[in-house]
């Protein structure tokens, strides 16, 4: 059982391990969007966006709903929004630590 959960987590994070997929999820966190809306917001080719949406769909992170001749994409679980927010906080914490360390190094050089 525990191994299954660890495998799920590994596969899940692997699906998130591409900058374009993260950007797509950030956009979908703002609301449902079709491929053209995602493409326009990202400024990327349709094939690249479609390819990354396919990965996210295959891992059940997003889903598409037909709307006429368009497909509108949505987050499967709104907790993804929390995950992205927490990832940003972790990034900011690392950034603060790095800036603090650089400041300490800089202060050390001034004293010499």
C-alpha atoms as a PDB file:
ATOM      1  CA  UNK A   1       0.000   0.000   0.000  1.00  0.00           C
ATOM      2  CA  UNK A   2       2.705   2.480   1.003  1.00  0.00           C
ATOM      3  CA  UNK A   3       4.675   1.676  -2.151  1.00  0.00           C
ATOM      4  CA  UNK A   4       1.579   2.448  -4.259  1.00  0.00           C
ATOM      5  CA  UNK A   5       1.231   5.842  -2.601  1.00  0.00           C
ATOM      6  CA  UNK A   6       4.929   6.613  -3.102  1.00  0.00           C
ATOM      7  CA  UNK A   7       4.649   5.618  -6.772  1.00  0.00           C
ATOM      8  CA  UNK A   8       1.576   7.832  -7.183  1.00  0.00           C
ATOM      9  CA  UNK A   9       3.458  10.760  -5.648  1.00  0.00           C
ATOM     10  CA  UNK A  10       6.498  10.159  -7.856  1.00  0.00           C
ATOM     11  CA  UNK A  11       4.334   9.990 -10.996  1.00  0.00           C
ATOM     12  CA  UNK A  12       2.365  13.042  -9.905  1.00  0.00           C
ATOM     13  CA  UNK A  13       5.470  15.166  -9.334  1.00  0.00           C
ATOM     14  CA  UNK A  14       6.988  13.862 -12.566  1.00  0.00           C
ATOM     15  CA  UNK A  15       3.906  15.188 -14.366  1.00  0.00           C
ATOM     16  CA  UNK A  16       4.526  18.586 -12.768  1.00  0.00           C
ATOM     17  CA  UNK A  17       8.215  18.611 -13.663  1.00  0.00           C
ATOM     18  CA  UNK A  18       7.983  20.817 -16.760  1.00  0.00           C
ATOM     19  CA  UNK A  19       7.866  24.649 -16.620  1.00  0.00           C
ATOM     20  CA  UNK A  20       5.185  24.858 -19.331  1.00  0.00           C
ATOM     21  CA  UNK A  21       2.958  22.399 -17.459  1.00  0.00           C
ATOM     22  CA  UNK A  22       3.345  24.472 -14.277  1.00  0.00           C
ATOM     23  CA  UNK A  23       2.416  27.625 -16.221  1.00  0.00           C
ATOM     24  CA  UNK A  24      -0.658  25.879 -17.659  1.00  0.00           C
ATOM     25  CA  UNK A  25      -1.734  24.851 -14.160  1.00  0.00           C
ATOM     26  CA  UNK A  26      -1.232  28.414 -12.898  1.00  0.00           C
ATOM     27  CA  UNK A  27      -3.493  29.659 -15.700  1.00  0.00           C
ATOM     28  CA  UNK A  28      -6.131  27.023 -15.002  1.00  0.00           C
ATOM     29  CA  UNK A  29      -6.001  27.977 -11.317  1.00  0.00           C
ATOM     30  CA  UNK A  30      -7.429  31.336 -12.463  1.00  0.00           C
ATOM     31  CA  UNK A  31     -10.309  29.564 -14.233  1.00  0.00           C
ATOM     32  CA  UNK A  32     -11.174  27.144 -17.010  1.00  0.00           C
ATOM     33  CA  UNK A  33      -9.596  27.884 -20.405  1.00  0.00           C
ATOM     34  CA  UNK A  34      -9.503  26.437 -23.907  1.00  0.00           C
ATOM     35  CA  UNK A  35      -6.282  25.708 -25.798  1.00  0.00           C
ATOM     36  CA  UNK A  36      -6.344  29.037 -27.671  1.00  0.00           C
ATOM     37  CA  UNK A  37      -6.710  30.999 -24.435  1.00  0.00           C
ATOM     38  CA  UNK A  38      -3.836  29.055 -22.860  1.00  0.00           C
ATOM     39  CA  UNK A  39      -1.676  29.521 -25.968  1.00  0.00           C
ATOM     40  CA  UNK A  40      -2.324  33.274 -26.037  1.00  0.00           C
ATOM     41  CA  UNK A  41      -1.576  33.703 -22.334  1.00  0.00           C
ATOM     42  CA  UNK A  42       1.637  31.684 -22.554  1.00  0.00           C
ATOM     43  CA  UNK A  43       2.753  32.883 -25.969  1.00  0.00           C
ATOM     44  CA  UNK A  44       3.632  29.350 -27.008  1.00  0.00           C
ATOM     45  CA  UNK A  45       2.844  27.176 -30.017  1.00  0.00           C
ATOM     46  CA  UNK A  46      -0.376  25.208 -29.989  1.00  0.00           C
ATOM     47  CA  UNK A  47       1.442  21.912 -30.449  1.00  0.00           C
ATOM     48  CA  UNK A  48       3.596  22.514 -27.358  1.00  0.00           C
ATOM     49  CA  UNK A  49       0.558  23.463 -25.267  1.00  0.00           C
ATOM     50  CA  UNK A  50      -1.453  20.486 -26.553  1.00  0.00           C
ATOM     51  CA  UNK A  51       1.430  18.112 -25.835  1.00  0.00           C
ATOM     52  CA  UNK A  52       1.737  19.341 -22.237  1.00  0.00           C
ATOM     53  CA  UNK A  53      -2.040  19.255 -21.730  1.00  0.00           C
ATOM     54  CA  UNK A  54      -1.948  15.652 -22.917  1.00  0.00           C
ATOM     55  CA  UNK A  55       0.576  14.770 -20.187  1.00  0.00           C
ATOM     56  CA  UNK A  56      -1.524  16.534 -17.545  1.00  0.00           C
ATOM     57  CA  UNK A  57      -4.665  14.747 -18.781  1.00  0.00           C
ATOM     58  CA  UNK A  58      -2.966  11.349 -18.776  1.00  0.00           C
ATOM     59  CA  UNK A  59      -2.063  11.831 -15.085  1.00  0.00           C
ATOM     60  CA  UNK A  60      -5.608  13.015 -14.255  1.00  0.00           C
ATOM     61  CA  UNK A  61      -4.398  16.454 -13.188  1.00  0.00           C
ATOM     62  CA  UNK A  62      -6.615  18.284 -15.688  1.00  0.00           C
ATOM     63  CA  UNK A  63      -9.621  17.265 -17.744  1.00  0.00           C
ATOM     64  CA  UNK A  64     -11.226  18.589 -20.887  1.00  0.00           C
ATOM     65  CA  UNK A  65     -14.903  19.196 -21.599  1.00  0.00           C
ATOM     66  CA  UNK A  66     -16.233  19.612 -25.143  1.00  0.00           C
ATOM     67  CA  UNK A  67     -17.799  23.017 -25.786  1.00  0.00           C
ATOM     68  CA  UNK A  68     -18.894  22.992 -29.418  1.00  0.00           C
ATOM     69  CA  UNK A  69     -15.715  22.517 -31.432  1.00  0.00           C
ATOM     70  CA  UNK A  70     -13.485  23.578 -28.533  1.00  0.00           C
ATOM     71  CA  UNK A  71     -12.243  21.726 -25.492  1.00  0.00           C
ATOM     72  CA  UNK A  72     -12.262  23.661 -22.231  1.00  0.00           C
ATOM     73  CA  UNK A  73      -9.683  22.514 -19.681  1.00  0.00           C
ATOM     74  CA  UNK A  74     -10.126  22.507 -15.910  1.00  0.00           C
ATOM     75  CA  UNK A  75      -8.153  21.426 -12.876  1.00  0.00           C
ATOM     76  CA  UNK A  76      -9.359  18.025 -11.685  1.00  0.00           C
ATOM     77  CA  UNK A  77      -8.663  18.933  -8.056  1.00  0.00           C
ATOM     78  CA  UNK A  78      -8.680  22.507  -6.734  1.00  0.00           C
ATOM     79  CA  UNK A  79      -6.021  21.522  -4.181  1.00  0.00           C
ATOM     80  CA  UNK A  80      -3.518  21.958  -7.052  1.00  0.00           C
ATOM     81  CA  UNK A  81      -3.964  25.699  -6.412  1.00  0.00           C
ATOM     82  CA  UNK A  82      -2.791  25.195  -2.815  1.00  0.00           C
ATOM     83  CA  UNK A  83       0.129  23.072  -3.998  1.00  0.00           C
ATOM     84  CA  UNK A  84       1.270  25.786  -6.435  1.00  0.00           C
ATOM     85  CA  UNK A  85       0.932  28.441  -3.706  1.00  0.00           C
ATOM     86  CA  UNK A  86       2.966  26.351  -1.259  1.00  0.00           C
ATOM     87  CA  UNK A  87       5.622  25.707  -3.940  1.00  0.00           C
ATOM     88  CA  UNK A  88       5.871  29.478  -4.453  1.00  0.00           C
ATOM     89  CA  UNK A  89       6.295  29.979  -0.683  1.00  0.00           C
ATOM     90  CA  UNK A  90       9.054  27.343  -0.574  1.00  0.00           C
ATOM     91  CA  UNK A  91      10.761  29.068  -3.522  1.00  0.00           C
ATOM     92  CA  UNK A  92      10.504  32.437  -1.746  1.00  0.00           C
ATOM     93  CA  UNK A  93      11.952  30.921   1.455  1.00  0.00           C
ATOM     94  CA  UNK A  94      14.922  29.553  -0.501  1.00  0.00           C
ATOM     95  CA  UNK A  95      15.347  32.901  -2.213  1.00  0.00           C
ATOM     96  CA  UNK A  96      15.330  34.736   1.126  1.00  0.00           C
ATOM     97  CA  UNK A  97      17.907  32.272   2.506  1.00  0.00           C
ATOM     98  CA  UNK A  98      20.113  32.758  -0.571  1.00  0.00           C
ATOM     99  CA  UNK A  99      19.905  36.555  -0.404  1.00  0.00           C
ATOM    100  CA  UNK A 100      20.692  36.448   3.319  1.00  0.00           C
ATOM    101  CA  UNK A 101      23.718  34.218   2.673  1.00  0.00           C
ATOM    102  CA  UNK A 102      24.949  36.556  -0.090  1.00  0.00           C
ATOM    103  CA  UNK A 103      24.526  39.534   2.241  1.00  0.00           C
ATOM    104  CA  UNK A 104      26.605  37.765   4.905  1.00  0.00           C
ATOM    105  CA  UNK A 105      29.310  36.956   2.357  1.00  0.00           C
ATOM    106  CA  UNK A 106      29.279  40.531   1.137  1.00  0.00           C
ATOM    107  CA  UNK A 107      29.537  41.881   4.697  1.00  0.00           C
ATOM    108  CA  UNK A 108      32.463  39.540   5.355  1.00  0.00           C
ATOM    109  CA  UNK A 109      34.370  40.872   2.359  1.00  0.00           C
ATOM    110  CA  UNK A 110      33.794  44.480   3.456  1.00  0.00           C
ATOM    111  CA  UNK A 111      35.362  43.750   6.845  1.00  0.00           C
ATOM    112  CA  UNK A 112      38.566  42.373   5.280  1.00  0.00           C
END
